[in-house]
């Protein structure tokens, strides 16, 4: 290969050629054997370069902050690496387009949005503000937009609890408010498949120790929560009644929401299940200090059973009900009463409490009193029999 040497530009030690021009038009800088139109060996430092069409526009510039900038002025378009109809990058007056195979793959629009699979923002009240928007996927341009977050390890190296991908919610001053993390939930690979879990973490008010796990969806679909106050709160915009429910339970389900109903808590507080079975842990192996309960006769006699209805402003149903009043029960059997603090919508303590009655224990007191009544009846019957007047 013949070349043209620029003899007056050489290395300080006199060896080698700084600039070479081959007979095929290849230019080498720092190399005597260029393989492309411009082959530079070593670092490149670029100052401001003006576009021919607009002297104020810059294509590449290295500013005093040592950052490399790619810019164009208004009305100018620059195509980089444009050959064989395969444009890789196009810089226009308001958009940067990245292409492969002469097909657009991504762009940065005039608003600074990174658009993948689309040439315009997705619209909608919030998506117009999205900095990153993905439309379609490699399988179908009209398919779902897919964002993949992956760990750079093989499954055989990933152990339970290690994160595969995460979304972090933060401010501009290192404040981290919440995480959503996809983690391994067991040994992966082979017959084990790829068990995973989703972990949701938030930082509590008054804490500065970083977000803590609050909810987890395990690999088998189990939902777990951890809270510093009320752990599970559900709300419905439907008025109190039995047409809609707050919580529902199903069995033999093929997918979420498609199963046989077995348990419901309606918006008016009614609890319904298929077999009217409500159980409590009662195994003797778990209990100690087991003795006969004392008489409940006097307590039951003193309890006042009332008819009442809830005030309309409480939002509860206002039909007539049968039951007891907490403050009256408290005078007879204070152990049946519990108190919960009243809170506003933000969870702030209002300084007042609402009293509740432990009806399950009240019913057991009634069972004990009934047993006492049965004994008295049986004793009376026996006396009548003995007197021959039964």
Protein backbone atom coordinates (compact mmCIF):
# COMPACT_ATOMS: atom_id res chain seq x y z
CA UNK A 1 0.00 0.00 0.00
CA UNK A 2 1.45 3.36 -1.03
CA UNK A 3 0.86 6.46 1.05
CA UNK A 4 1.69 10.14 1.23
CA UNK A 5 3.78 11.20 4.19
CA UNK A 6 3.52 14.60 5.81
CA UNK A 7 7.20 14.89 6.60
CA UNK A 8 7.09 18.09 8.63
CA UNK A 9 4.70 16.65 11.26
CA UNK A 10 6.43 13.91 13.21
CA UNK A 11 6.75 12.60 16.73
CA UNK A 12 9.14 14.55 18.92
CA UNK A 13 11.51 11.57 19.01
CA UNK A 14 11.56 11.49 15.20
CA UNK A 15 10.00 8.04 14.86
CA UNK A 16 6.82 7.14 13.04
CA UNK A 17 4.41 9.27 11.07
CA UNK A 18 1.84 11.52 12.73
CA UNK A 19 -0.36 11.87 9.66
CA UNK A 20 -0.58 9.51 6.68
CA UNK A 21 -2.67 9.63 3.50
CA UNK A 22 -2.98 6.40 1.47
CA UNK A 23 -3.46 6.21 -2.25
CA UNK A 24 -7.06 5.06 -1.62
CA UNK A 25 -7.87 8.22 0.29
CA UNK A 26 -7.65 6.86 3.85
CA UNK A 27 -6.28 9.28 6.41
CA UNK A 28 -4.42 8.05 9.46
CA UNK A 29 -3.63 10.18 12.48
CA UNK A 30 -1.12 8.53 14.78
CA UNK A 31 -1.10 5.40 12.59
CA UNK A 32 0.66 4.56 9.33
CA UNK A 33 -1.99 1.98 8.36
CA UNK A 34 -5.44 3.59 8.43
CA UNK A 35 -8.34 1.19 7.84
CA UNK A 36 -11.16 3.76 7.52
CA UNK A 37 -11.64 7.12 5.87
CA UNK A 38 -10.34 8.71 9.09
CA UNK A 39 -8.45 6.44 11.48
CA UNK A 40 -7.28 8.13 14.66
CA UNK A 41 -5.03 6.30 17.13
CA UNK A 42 -5.27 7.90 20.55
CA UNK A 43 -7.49 10.46 22.23
CA UNK A 44 -9.33 13.21 20.36
CA UNK A 45 -9.93 16.70 21.72
CA UNK A 46 -12.59 18.68 19.86
CA UNK A 47 -13.27 22.36 20.12
CA UNK A 48 -16.37 24.09 18.76
CA UNK A 49 -17.14 23.08 15.16
CA UNK A 50 -19.61 25.15 13.20
CA UNK A 51 -22.14 23.74 10.75
CA UNK A 52 -21.69 25.24 7.29
CA UNK A 53 -25.33 26.28 7.15
CA UNK A 54 -25.32 28.17 10.43
CA UNK A 55 -22.23 29.60 12.01
CA UNK A 56 -23.75 29.64 15.47
CA UNK A 57 -24.52 25.92 15.51
CA UNK A 58 -22.14 23.35 16.99
CA UNK A 59 -21.95 19.67 16.16
CA UNK A 60 -19.37 18.56 18.70
CA UNK A 61 -17.81 20.72 21.38
CA UNK A 62 -15.68 20.15 24.44
CA UNK A 63 -16.51 22.92 26.86
CA UNK A 64 -14.39 24.14 29.76
CA UNK A 65 -16.17 21.63 32.00
CA UNK A 66 -14.59 18.79 29.92
CA UNK A 67 -18.02 17.51 28.88
CA UNK A 68 -18.67 16.48 25.29
CA UNK A 69 -21.70 18.13 23.68
CA UNK A 70 -23.62 17.27 20.50
CA UNK A 71 -25.65 20.23 19.34
CA UNK A 72 -27.26 21.76 16.27
CA UNK A 73 -28.64 25.19 15.61
CA UNK A 74 -32.15 26.03 14.46
CA UNK A 75 -32.93 24.74 11.00
CA UNK A 76 -29.91 22.42 10.76
CA UNK A 77 -29.87 18.65 10.40
CA UNK A 78 -26.83 16.40 10.67
CA UNK A 79 -26.70 12.66 9.89
CA UNK A 80 -23.87 10.68 11.46
CA UNK A 81 -22.51 7.42 10.03
CA UNK A 82 -24.84 7.65 7.07
CA UNK A 83 -23.80 4.98 4.61
CA UNK A 84 -25.45 2.19 2.64
CA UNK A 85 -28.81 3.66 3.66
CA UNK A 86 -28.10 2.90 7.34
CA UNK A 87 -28.33 6.12 9.33
CA UNK A 88 -27.38 5.58 12.98
CA UNK A 89 -28.04 9.05 14.34
CA UNK A 90 -29.76 12.15 13.01
CA UNK A 91 -29.54 15.47 14.83
CA UNK A 92 -32.18 17.97 13.78
CA UNK A 93 -33.24 21.35 15.09
CA UNK A 94 -35.54 19.81 17.71
CA UNK A 95 -35.03 16.05 17.78
CA UNK A 96 -32.32 13.36 17.99
CA UNK A 97 -33.17 10.12 16.16
CA UNK A 98 -31.38 6.77 16.54
CA UNK A 99 -31.81 4.22 13.76
CA UNK A 100 -30.69 0.74 12.73
CA UNK A 101 -31.30 -0.76 9.31
CA UNK A 102 -32.58 2.68 8.23
CA UNK A 103 -35.48 2.24 10.68
CA UNK A 104 -36.04 4.56 13.61
CA UNK A 105 -35.62 2.82 16.97
CA UNK A 106 -35.61 5.72 19.45
CA UNK A 107 -35.59 9.48 19.62
CA UNK A 108 -35.18 12.37 22.05
CA UNK A 109 -37.84 14.93 21.25
CA UNK A 110 -37.89 18.70 21.73
CA UNK A 111 -39.22 18.29 25.29
CA UNK A 112 -36.34 16.02 26.31
CA UNK A 113 -38.45 12.84 26.32
CA UNK A 114 -36.83 9.55 25.34
CA UNK A 115 -39.31 7.84 23.02
CA UNK A 116 -38.82 4.18 22.11
CA UNK A 117 -41.13 2.62 19.52
CA UNK A 118 -43.01 5.89 18.95
CA UNK A 119 -42.36 9.27 17.38
CA UNK A 120 -44.65 11.22 19.70
CA UNK A 121 -45.64 11.11 23.37
CA UNK A 122 -48.39 8.74 24.42
CA UNK A 123 -50.77 11.54 25.40
CA UNK A 124 -53.08 11.39 28.40
CA UNK A 125 -53.11 13.69 31.44
CA UNK A 126 -49.85 12.35 32.88
CA UNK A 127 -47.98 10.53 30.14
CA UNK A 128 -47.16 13.84 28.45
CA UNK A 129 -44.82 14.46 31.37
CA UNK A 130 -43.09 11.06 31.13
CA UNK A 131 -39.36 11.40 30.45
CA UNK A 132 -39.18 7.81 29.16
CA UNK A 133 -41.96 6.29 27.05
CA UNK A 134 -41.84 2.80 25.53
CA UNK A 135 -44.44 1.68 22.99
CA UNK A 136 -44.64 -1.85 21.62
CA UNK A 137 -41.94 -4.50 21.82
CA UNK A 138 -39.64 -6.56 19.58
CA UNK A 139 -42.40 -9.08 18.93
CA UNK A 140 -45.11 -6.63 17.87
CA UNK A 141 -45.03 -2.89 17.34
CA UNK A 142 -48.68 -2.80 18.44
CA UNK A 143 -47.97 -4.96 21.50
CA UNK A 144 -47.39 -3.98 25.10
CA UNK A 145 -44.52 -1.72 26.04
CA UNK A 146 -42.03 -3.76 28.06
CA UNK A 147 -39.33 -2.49 30.41
CA UNK A 148 -36.81 -5.13 31.47
CA UNK A 149 -34.66 -4.76 34.60
CA UNK A 150 -32.14 -7.58 34.91
CA UNK A 151 -29.31 -8.73 37.14
CA UNK A 152 -26.01 -9.45 35.37
CA UNK A 153 -25.67 -12.97 36.77
CA UNK A 154 -26.77 -16.42 35.75
CA UNK A 155 -29.64 -17.96 37.72
CA UNK A 156 -27.26 -20.47 39.33
CA UNK A 157 -25.44 -17.57 41.01
CA UNK A 158 -28.56 -15.78 42.32
CA UNK A 159 -29.74 -16.64 45.82
CA UNK A 160 -32.98 -15.89 47.65
CA UNK A 161 -33.30 -12.23 48.63
CA UNK A 162 -31.01 -10.88 45.92
CA UNK A 163 -32.52 -8.13 43.79
CA UNK A 164 -32.99 -8.66 40.05
CA UNK A 165 -34.28 -5.14 39.42
CA UNK A 166 -35.54 -2.13 41.33
CA UNK A 167 -37.42 1.13 40.93
CA UNK A 168 -36.32 3.82 43.40
CA UNK A 169 -38.40 6.90 44.20
CA UNK A 170 -36.22 9.79 45.37
CA UNK A 171 -35.72 13.54 45.36
CA UNK A 172 -32.75 15.49 43.99
CA UNK A 173 -30.87 15.51 47.29
CA UNK A 174 -30.35 11.79 47.98
CA UNK A 175 -33.67 11.41 49.78
CA UNK A 176 -35.11 7.95 49.06
CA UNK A 177 -38.83 7.64 49.76
CA UNK A 178 -39.81 4.22 48.44
CA UNK A 179 -38.63 1.14 46.53
CA UNK A 180 -40.26 -1.49 44.38
CA UNK A 181 -37.86 -4.40 44.06
CA UNK A 182 -38.06 -7.68 42.20
CA UNK A 183 -36.11 -10.30 44.17
CA UNK A 184 -35.31 -13.97 43.92
CA UNK A 185 -37.56 -15.92 46.30
CA UNK A 186 -35.65 -19.18 46.37
CA UNK A 187 -33.03 -21.21 44.54
CA UNK A 188 -33.42 -20.65 40.81
CA UNK A 189 -32.71 -22.67 37.70
CA UNK A 190 -33.51 -26.18 36.51
CA UNK A 191 -36.54 -27.86 38.06
CA UNK A 192 -36.87 -24.97 40.55
CA UNK A 193 -37.75 -22.53 37.79
CA UNK A 194 -37.24 -18.87 38.65
CA UNK A 195 -39.14 -18.16 41.90
CA UNK A 196 -39.51 -14.44 42.42
CA UNK A 197 -41.18 -11.97 44.75
CA UNK A 198 -42.11 -8.30 44.60
CA UNK A 199 -41.17 -6.20 47.64
CA UNK A 200 -42.66 -2.77 48.33
CA UNK A 201 -40.79 -0.54 50.78
CA UNK A 202 -41.54 2.93 52.17
CA UNK A 203 -39.91 5.20 54.74
CA UNK A 204 -42.02 6.06 57.78
CA UNK A 205 -42.60 9.62 58.92
CA UNK A 206 -40.02 10.72 61.46
CA UNK A 207 -37.54 8.10 60.24
CA UNK A 208 -34.31 8.64 58.37
CA UNK A 209 -33.03 5.09 58.16
CA UNK A 210 -34.20 4.36 54.63
CA UNK A 211 -37.33 2.65 53.30
CA UNK A 212 -38.39 -0.56 55.08
CA UNK A 213 -40.34 -3.45 53.60
CA UNK A 214 -44.09 -2.92 54.02
CA UNK A 215 -45.60 -5.43 51.61
CA UNK A 216 -44.47 -8.56 49.82
CA UNK A 217 -46.00 -10.76 47.12
CA UNK A 218 -44.30 -14.15 47.37
CA UNK A 219 -43.57 -16.57 44.56
CA UNK A 220 -46.80 -18.49 45.27
CA UNK A 221 -48.96 -15.33 45.33
CA UNK A 222 -49.17 -14.90 49.10
CA UNK A 223 -49.62 -11.28 50.19
CA UNK A 224 -47.81 -10.18 53.36
CA UNK A 225 -47.87 -6.74 54.98
CA UNK A 226 -46.11 -5.03 57.87
CA UNK A 227 -47.26 -1.70 59.29
CA UNK A 228 -46.46 0.47 62.29
CA UNK A 229 -50.17 1.27 62.79
CA UNK A 230 -53.26 -0.22 61.15
CA UNK A 231 -51.97 -3.07 59.01
CA UNK A 232 -54.87 -3.53 56.60
CA UNK A 233 -57.49 -0.93 55.75
CA UNK A 234 -60.00 -1.30 52.95
CA UNK A 235 -62.52 1.31 51.86
CA UNK A 236 -65.50 1.37 49.55
CA UNK A 237 -67.34 4.30 48.01
CA UNK A 238 -70.52 2.21 48.18
CA UNK A 239 -72.94 2.99 51.01
CA UNK A 240 -73.45 0.54 53.87
CA UNK A 241 -75.38 -2.54 52.81
CA UNK A 242 -75.13 -6.11 51.60
CA UNK A 243 -74.97 -5.49 47.86
CA UNK A 244 -71.21 -4.88 47.82
CA UNK A 245 -68.48 -6.16 50.09
CA UNK A 246 -65.17 -4.92 51.44
CA UNK A 247 -63.37 -8.26 51.55
CA UNK A 248 -64.14 -11.48 49.73
CA UNK A 249 -62.66 -14.96 49.91
CA UNK A 250 -62.79 -17.69 47.27
CA UNK A 251 -61.52 -21.24 46.83
CA UNK A 252 -60.81 -23.47 43.81
CA UNK A 253 -59.85 -20.35 41.88
CA UNK A 254 -58.27 -20.54 38.43
CA UNK A 255 -57.13 -16.90 38.52
CA UNK A 256 -57.62 -13.88 40.81
CA UNK A 257 -61.35 -13.22 41.18
CA UNK A 258 -62.45 -16.45 39.48
CA UNK A 259 -63.34 -18.95 42.19
CA UNK A 260 -66.14 -20.10 44.48
CA UNK A 261 -67.17 -17.56 47.14
CA UNK A 262 -66.74 -18.73 50.73
CA UNK A 263 -66.26 -15.58 52.82
CA UNK A 264 -67.44 -11.97 52.61
CA UNK A 265 -67.35 -8.84 54.73
CA UNK A 266 -70.03 -6.48 53.45
CA UNK A 267 -69.90 -2.69 53.51
CA UNK A 268 -72.28 -2.58 56.49
CA UNK A 269 -69.93 -4.81 58.51
CA UNK A 270 -71.89 -8.05 58.14
CA UNK A 271 -69.65 -11.11 57.92
CA UNK A 272 -70.89 -14.06 55.90
CA UNK A 273 -69.36 -17.45 55.23
CA UNK A 274 -70.67 -20.62 53.63
CA UNK A 275 -70.93 -22.84 56.73
CA UNK A 276 -71.42 -20.38 59.61
CA UNK A 277 -68.22 -21.69 61.21
CA UNK A 278 -66.11 -19.28 63.27
CA UNK A 279 -63.34 -20.88 65.26
CA UNK A 280 -60.67 -19.88 67.73
CA UNK A 281 -57.43 -21.62 68.71
CA UNK A 282 -58.36 -23.81 71.68
CA UNK A 283 -55.93 -26.74 71.85
CA UNK A 284 -55.04 -27.71 75.42
CA UNK A 285 -51.39 -27.97 74.48
CA UNK A 286 -51.35 -24.20 74.08
CA UNK A 287 -53.03 -23.36 77.40
CA UNK A 288 -52.22 -23.40 81.10
CA UNK A 289 -53.77 -22.40 84.45
CA UNK A 290 -57.00 -24.14 83.40
CA UNK A 291 -59.72 -23.89 86.10
CA UNK A 292 -63.51 -23.74 86.18
CA UNK A 293 -64.93 -20.30 85.46
CA UNK A 294 -66.64 -18.51 88.31
CA UNK A 295 -70.37 -17.83 88.35
CA UNK A 296 -71.65 -15.48 85.66
CA UNK A 297 -75.19 -15.41 87.07
CA UNK A 298 -75.05 -11.95 88.61
CA UNK A 299 -73.26 -10.40 85.64
CA UNK A 300 -75.83 -11.70 83.19
CA UNK A 301 -78.71 -10.51 85.36
CA UNK A 302 -77.18 -7.01 85.49
CA UNK A 303 -76.65 -6.68 81.75
CA UNK A 304 -79.24 -4.52 80.03
CA UNK A 305 -80.16 -5.70 76.54
CA UNK A 306 -81.28 -2.73 74.47
CA UNK A 307 -82.92 -1.81 71.19
CA UNK A 308 -81.18 1.05 69.43
CA UNK A 309 -80.15 2.45 66.06
CA UNK A 310 -77.02 4.26 64.92
CA UNK A 311 -77.12 8.02 64.38
CA UNK A 312 -77.43 8.97 60.74
CA UNK A 313 -74.29 11.14 60.81
CA UNK A 314 -72.16 8.09 61.67
CA UNK A 315 -72.72 6.71 58.19
CA UNK A 316 -73.87 3.35 59.60
CA UNK A 317 -77.22 1.80 58.77
CA UNK A 318 -79.99 3.27 60.95
CA UNK A 319 -82.31 0.25 61.29
CA UNK A 320 -83.30 -0.93 64.78
CA UNK A 321 -80.83 -3.40 66.33
CA UNK A 322 -80.62 -5.57 69.45
CA UNK A 323 -77.52 -5.41 71.61
CA UNK A 324 -75.75 -3.72 74.50
CA UNK A 325 -74.19 -0.33 75.24
CA UNK A 326 -70.46 -0.31 75.97
CA UNK A 327 -70.62 2.21 78.83
CA UNK A 328 -73.36 0.16 80.54
CA UNK A 329 -71.46 -3.12 80.15
CA UNK A 330 -68.35 -1.41 81.52
CA UNK A 331 -70.15 -0.90 84.86
CA UNK A 332 -70.91 -4.62 85.11
CA UNK A 333 -67.92 -6.31 83.45
CA UNK A 334 -65.17 -3.85 82.47
CA UNK A 335 -63.01 -6.66 81.08
CA UNK A 336 -65.38 -6.88 78.10
CA UNK A 337 -64.57 -3.33 77.00
CA UNK A 338 -61.75 -2.23 74.70
CA UNK A 339 -60.93 1.27 73.49
CA UNK A 340 -59.50 2.45 70.18
CA UNK A 341 -58.22 5.99 69.55
CA UNK A 342 -60.20 8.15 67.15
CA UNK A 343 -58.06 9.30 64.20
CA UNK A 344 -58.55 11.65 61.29
CA UNK A 345 -58.02 10.73 57.65
CA UNK A 346 -54.28 11.31 58.02
CA UNK A 347 -54.03 8.95 60.98
CA UNK A 348 -53.59 11.71 63.57
CA UNK A 349 -54.88 10.95 67.09
CA UNK A 350 -57.89 13.17 67.88
CA UNK A 351 -57.59 12.64 71.64
CA UNK A 352 -60.86 10.73 71.99
CA UNK A 353 -61.66 7.01 71.99
CA UNK A 354 -64.44 4.71 70.82
CA UNK A 355 -65.46 1.83 73.08
CA UNK A 356 -66.17 -1.68 71.83
CA UNK A 357 -67.71 -4.76 73.47
CA UNK A 358 -66.10 -8.17 73.17
CA UNK A 359 -69.26 -10.04 72.19
CA UNK A 360 -67.49 -13.39 71.82
CA UNK A 361 -66.63 -13.38 75.55
CA UNK A 362 -70.09 -12.04 76.40
CA UNK A 363 -71.57 -15.08 74.66
CA UNK A 364 -69.36 -17.40 76.70
CA UNK A 365 -70.52 -15.68 79.88
CA UNK A 366 -74.07 -16.38 78.71
CA UNK A 367 -73.20 -20.06 78.16
CA UNK A 368 -71.82 -20.28 81.72
CA UNK A 369 -74.92 -18.59 83.14
CA UNK A 370 -77.11 -20.98 81.12
CA UNK A 371 -75.29 -23.95 82.62
CA UNK A 372 -75.93 -22.54 86.10
CA UNK A 373 -79.60 -22.08 85.24
CA UNK A 374 -79.79 -25.66 83.96
CA UNK A 375 -78.34 -26.94 87.23
CA UNK A 376 -80.87 -24.96 89.25
CA UNK A 377 -83.73 -26.21 87.08
CA UNK A 378 -82.57 -29.80 87.39
CA UNK A 379 -82.28 -29.44 91.19
CA UNK A 380 -85.77 -27.96 91.38
CA UNK A 381 -87.18 -30.75 89.20
CA UNK A 382 -85.60 -33.35 91.44
CA UNK A 383 -87.15 -31.79 94.54
CA UNK A 384 -90.54 -31.74 92.88
CA UNK A 385 -90.14 -35.39 91.91
CA UNK A 386 -89.10 -36.31 95.45
CA UNK A 387 -92.16 -34.48 96.79
CA UNK A 388 -94.37 -36.34 94.34
CA UNK A 389 -95.71 -33.17 92.80
CA UNK A 390 -93.74 -33.12 89.55
